[in-house]
Amino acid sequence: MNPILEVVGLYKSFGPVEALRGADLQLRAGEVLAVVGDNGAGKSTLIKHISGVYRPDAGQILLAGVPLDLASPREARERGIETVYQDLALADDLSIGANIFLGREPMRRLFGILPYIDERAIRRETADLLKKIRSEIPPEAPTVARLSGGQRQAVAIARAIYWQAKVVLMDEPTAALAVMERERVIAHARDLAAHGVGVIYIGHNLTEILKVADRIAVMFRGRTVHVTTTGATDQETLIKYMTGYSETNKAA
């Protein structure tokens, strides 16, 4: 199967600091690819390139074989790349539906002339979406402000499904969540893959990573140093690559 997303030889420096030093990645549609690495390995920098926050100094990103030159996160979303950040870019004072459709609301015309937002369509589509992802969000919740962390993740994931994202980036999605909510986020990631979406899942908890991922890519000092299927590895092996142990042995 051809990859839905490819990262080829990505380089990025911030002054004297080389954040990426030829990072490579391949993501297939319908899989969860976990990206792991110690602090400073380049994970967040890589995600910010794919999501349109940064432009690389060198290298290339391709979506379905077509080179990308993203100027902003908005442009990434328009191309089918959604990001679920740890701190979630949701508008707390807006409803669940308003957050899902923010900036892309369905419109109707009064008397065939005056445009207005179709609130009824938003409520209907939102209810269908939450049912599809088996969310336990209370339907009476007027805004997202009082939703739990896991429920807020569900809103972001529902948005990605509705807008038919090709790629979803999940950056530390379970940080600061309770155990039960972590399990729900893992289930959401698997649901996205089941819908044919390619999911990149950034995380530190290796027990969680081995549960959610189909494949795992390990980054070390700005490069991808190891890629494996989940069934062919374990925590000890991953830690060796994350800490550079295997790289040191190669050099020796």
Protein backbone atom coordinates (compact mmCIF):
# COMPACT_ATOMS: atom_id res chain seq x y z
CA MET A 1 0.00 0.00 0.00
CA ASN A 2 1.33 3.44 -0.94
CA PRO A 3 1.74 5.79 2.02
CA ILE A 4 -0.87 8.52 2.50
CA LEU A 5 1.82 10.75 4.03
CA GLU A 6 5.59 10.80 3.52
CA VAL A 7 8.26 12.83 5.26
CA VAL A 8 11.54 12.72 3.36
CA GLY A 9 14.84 14.06 4.72
CA LEU A 10 13.40 16.90 6.80
CA TYR A 11 15.87 19.41 8.28
CA LYS A 12 15.10 22.28 10.63
CA SER A 13 17.41 24.49 12.69
CA PHE A 14 16.62 27.19 15.23
CA GLY A 15 19.81 29.21 15.36
CA PRO A 16 22.61 26.78 16.31
CA VAL A 17 20.13 24.07 17.41
CA GLU A 18 19.42 21.34 14.85
CA ALA A 19 15.90 20.18 15.73
CA LEU A 20 15.54 17.88 12.71
CA ARG A 21 18.49 16.26 10.95
CA GLY A 22 17.03 14.33 8.03
CA ALA A 23 13.85 12.96 9.60
CA ASP A 24 11.90 10.40 7.54
CA LEU A 25 8.42 8.97 8.05
CA GLN A 26 5.82 7.00 6.14
CA LEU A 27 2.18 6.79 7.21
CA ARG A 28 -0.40 4.50 5.63
CA ALA A 29 -4.13 5.12 5.47
CA GLY A 30 -5.98 3.20 8.16
CA GLU A 31 -3.08 2.78 10.55
CA VAL A 32 -1.94 4.30 13.83
CA LEU A 33 1.75 5.17 13.64
CA ALA A 34 3.20 6.10 17.02
CA VAL A 35 6.21 8.43 17.13
CA VAL A 36 8.28 8.18 20.30
CA GLY A 37 11.52 9.69 21.52
CA ASP A 38 13.10 11.37 24.49
CA ASN A 39 12.69 15.10 25.14
CA GLY A 40 14.45 17.01 22.37
CA ALA A 41 14.29 14.11 19.90
CA GLY A 42 12.35 16.25 17.40
CA LYS A 43 8.83 14.81 17.73
CA SER A 44 7.01 18.10 18.28
CA THR A 45 9.05 19.87 15.60
CA LEU A 46 8.17 17.13 13.13
CA ILE A 47 4.46 17.39 13.96
CA LYS A 48 4.55 21.18 13.56
CA HIS A 49 5.95 20.78 10.06
CA ILE A 50 3.20 18.33 9.05
CA SER A 51 0.52 20.59 10.58
CA GLY A 52 1.74 23.71 8.77
CA VAL A 53 3.23 25.59 11.73
CA TYR A 54 6.82 25.38 10.46
CA ARG A 55 8.40 25.18 7.03
CA PRO A 56 11.48 22.97 6.68
CA ASP A 57 14.96 24.20 5.84
CA ALA A 58 15.30 21.17 3.57
CA GLY A 59 13.41 18.00 2.76
CA GLN A 60 9.87 17.33 1.62
CA ILE A 61 6.42 16.33 2.86
CA LEU A 62 4.07 14.54 0.47
CA LEU A 63 0.34 13.86 0.87
CA ALA A 64 -0.92 11.02 -1.34
CA GLY A 65 2.24 11.45 -3.41
CA VAL A 66 1.76 15.20 -3.94
CA PRO A 67 4.39 17.55 -2.44
CA LEU A 68 3.09 19.93 0.22
CA ASP A 69 4.25 23.47 0.87
CA LEU A 70 2.06 24.43 3.80
CA ALA A 71 1.96 28.07 4.85
CA SER A 72 -0.32 27.67 7.88
CA PRO A 73 -2.32 25.21 9.99
CA ARG A 74 -5.45 26.39 8.19
CA GLU A 75 -3.95 25.35 4.87
CA ALA A 76 -3.05 21.95 6.38
CA ARG A 77 -6.68 21.47 7.47
CA GLU A 78 -7.88 22.40 4.00
CA ARG A 79 -5.64 19.67 2.60
CA GLY A 80 -7.05 17.09 5.02
CA ILE A 81 -4.54 17.21 7.90
CA GLU A 82 -6.15 17.73 11.32
CA THR A 83 -4.25 18.09 14.60
CA VAL A 84 -5.47 17.09 18.06
CA TYR A 85 -3.15 18.95 20.41
CA GLN A 86 -2.56 18.23 24.07
CA ASP A 87 -4.09 21.60 25.02
CA LEU A 88 -6.79 21.42 22.31
CA ALA A 89 -7.64 24.51 20.31
CA LEU A 90 -11.32 24.61 21.25
CA ALA A 91 -13.44 27.70 21.86
CA ASP A 92 -14.65 27.19 25.43
CA ASP A 93 -17.63 29.55 25.16
CA LEU A 94 -19.05 27.85 22.07
CA SER A 95 -21.17 24.72 21.82
CA ILE A 96 -19.89 21.32 20.77
CA GLY A 97 -21.42 21.74 17.33
CA ALA A 98 -20.03 25.24 16.90
CA ASN A 99 -16.53 23.91 17.64
CA ILE A 100 -16.89 21.10 15.11
CA PHE A 101 -18.08 23.46 12.36
CA LEU A 102 -16.09 26.55 13.38
CA GLY A 103 -15.34 28.60 10.26
CA ARG A 104 -17.11 26.05 8.04
CA GLU A 105 -20.74 26.35 9.17
CA PRO A 106 -23.55 25.08 6.90
CA MET A 107 -25.61 27.98 5.58
CA ARG A 108 -29.19 28.50 4.47
CA ARG A 109 -30.88 31.49 2.87
CA LEU A 110 -33.86 33.31 4.27
CA PHE A 111 -36.40 33.90 1.51
CA GLY A 112 -33.71 32.63 -0.83
CA ILE A 113 -31.68 35.80 -0.28
CA LEU A 114 -30.29 36.43 3.23
CA PRO A 115 -27.70 33.84 4.35
CA TYR A 116 -27.77 32.49 7.91
CA ILE A 117 -26.16 29.62 9.82
CA ASP A 118 -28.19 26.41 9.74
CA GLU A 119 -28.23 25.64 13.49
CA ARG A 120 -30.63 22.75 13.03
CA ALA A 121 -28.23 21.02 10.64
CA ILE A 122 -25.35 21.61 13.06
CA ARG A 123 -27.28 20.00 15.96
CA ARG A 124 -28.34 17.04 13.81
CA GLU A 125 -24.87 16.38 12.39
CA THR A 126 -23.26 16.80 15.82
CA ALA A 127 -25.59 14.24 17.41
CA ASP A 128 -24.86 11.76 14.61
CA LEU A 129 -21.12 12.29 14.98
CA LEU A 130 -21.08 11.78 18.74
CA LYS A 131 -23.10 8.60 18.30
CA LYS A 132 -20.70 7.37 15.63
CA ILE A 133 -17.67 7.71 17.91
CA ARG A 134 -19.59 6.33 20.92
CA SER A 135 -18.96 9.47 22.91
CA GLU A 136 -20.45 9.90 26.37
CA ILE A 137 -20.66 13.68 26.10
CA PRO A 138 -23.94 14.88 27.68
CA PRO A 139 -26.13 16.16 24.83
CA GLU A 140 -27.38 19.02 27.00
CA ALA A 141 -23.89 20.51 27.44
CA PRO A 142 -24.30 24.12 26.18
CA THR A 143 -20.55 24.78 25.78
CA VAL A 144 -17.31 22.79 25.83
CA ALA A 145 -15.97 24.75 28.82
CA ARG A 146 -17.08 22.19 31.40
CA LEU A 147 -16.27 19.06 29.43
CA SER A 148 -13.59 16.75 30.76
CA GLY A 149 -10.28 16.34 28.97
CA GLY A 150 -11.37 13.10 27.34
CA GLN A 151 -14.65 14.61 26.20
CA ARG A 152 -12.82 17.55 24.66
CA GLN A 153 -10.64 15.08 22.77
CA ALA A 154 -13.84 13.50 21.45
CA VAL A 155 -15.01 16.86 20.07
CA ALA A 156 -11.73 17.33 18.21
CA ILE A 157 -11.87 13.77 16.85
CA ALA A 158 -15.51 14.17 15.77
CA ARG A 159 -14.43 17.28 13.86
CA ALA A 160 -11.70 15.32 12.08
CA ILE A 161 -14.12 12.56 11.07
CA TYR A 162 -16.79 14.95 9.82
CA TRP A 163 -14.38 16.90 7.64
CA GLN A 164 -13.00 13.64 6.22
CA ALA A 165 -9.45 14.19 7.35
CA LYS A 166 -6.88 12.06 5.56
CA VAL A 167 -4.33 12.42 8.35
CA VAL A 168 -4.87 13.13 12.06
CA LEU A 169 -1.97 14.15 14.28
CA MET A 170 -2.49 13.36 17.97
CA ASP A 171 0.13 15.18 20.02
CA GLU A 172 0.34 13.82 23.60
CA PRO A 173 -3.45 13.32 23.61
CA THR A 174 -3.65 11.54 26.98
CA ALA A 175 -1.42 13.87 29.00
CA ALA A 176 -3.08 14.80 32.31
CA LEU A 177 -6.09 12.54 31.65
CA ALA A 178 -7.51 10.00 34.10
CA VAL A 179 -7.02 6.30 33.31
CA MET A 180 -10.55 5.74 31.99
CA GLU A 181 -10.30 8.80 29.76
CA ARG A 182 -6.97 7.58 28.40
CA GLU A 183 -8.63 4.34 27.37
CA ARG A 184 -11.34 6.28 25.57
CA VAL A 185 -8.78 8.38 23.66
CA ILE A 186 -6.98 5.20 22.61
CA ALA A 187 -10.31 3.84 21.37
CA HIS A 188 -10.90 7.07 19.43
CA ALA A 189 -7.51 6.73 17.73
CA ARG A 190 -8.34 3.17 16.71
CA ASP A 191 -11.78 4.34 15.47
CA LEU A 192 -10.11 6.96 13.27
CA ALA A 193 -7.91 4.29 11.72
CA ALA A 194 -10.96 2.08 11.20
CA HIS A 195 -12.48 4.94 9.17
CA GLY A 196 -9.42 4.82 6.87
CA VAL A 197 -7.64 7.79 8.44
CA GLY A 198 -3.87 7.74 8.88
CA VAL A 199 -3.11 8.59 12.52
CA ILE A 200 0.23 9.82 13.89
CA TYR A 201 0.20 9.38 17.67
CA ILE A 202 2.85 11.16 19.75
CA GLY A 203 3.35 9.89 23.28
CA HIS A 204 5.72 9.01 26.11
CA ASN A 205 3.83 6.17 27.80
CA LEU A 206 5.20 3.06 26.10
CA THR A 207 2.56 0.77 27.60
CA GLU A 208 -0.05 3.00 25.97
CA ILE A 209 1.92 3.21 22.71
CA LEU A 210 2.16 -0.57 22.42
CA LYS A 211 -1.60 -0.76 22.92
CA VAL A 212 -2.68 1.86 20.39
CA ALA A 213 -0.14 1.63 17.54
CA ASP A 214 0.18 -0.61 14.50
CA ARG A 215 3.74 0.59 13.93
CA ILE A 216 6.19 2.64 15.98
CA ALA A 217 8.83 5.11 14.76
CA VAL A 218 11.59 6.08 17.19
CA MET A 219 13.28 9.47 16.92
CA PHE A 220 16.69 10.33 18.35
CA ARG A 221 18.45 13.69 17.95
CA GLY A 222 16.29 14.85 15.06
CA ARG A 223 16.31 11.66 13.03
CA THR A 224 14.10 8.59 12.67
CA VAL A 225 16.39 5.81 13.86
CA HIS A 226 14.05 2.83 14.09
CA VAL A 227 10.66 1.77 12.68
CA THR A 228 8.95 -1.45 13.74
CA THR A 229 5.58 -3.15 13.92
CA THR A 230 4.15 -3.24 17.41
CA GLY A 231 4.12 -7.01 17.57
CA ALA A 232 7.84 -7.19 16.78
CA THR A 233 9.13 -5.03 19.63
CA ASP A 234 8.90 -4.37 23.35
CA GLN A 235 9.54 -1.52 25.79
CA GLU A 236 13.18 -2.47 26.40
CA THR A 237 14.02 -2.38 22.69
CA LEU A 238 12.23 0.93 22.19
CA ILE A 239 14.07 2.50 25.14
CA LYS A 240 17.42 1.43 23.66
CA TYR A 241 16.68 3.32 20.46
CA MET A 242 15.18 6.29 22.32
CA THR A 243 18.32 6.72 24.42
CA GLY A 244 20.76 6.22 21.56
CA TYR A 245 22.10 2.93 22.87
CA SER A 246 21.63 1.15 19.54
CA GLU A 247 23.08 4.10 17.62
CA THR A 248 26.19 4.03 19.84
CA ASN A 249 26.63 0.32 19.17
CA LYS A 250 26.38 0.88 15.41
CA ALA A 251 29.08 3.54 15.58
CA ALA A 252 31.29 1.21 17.58
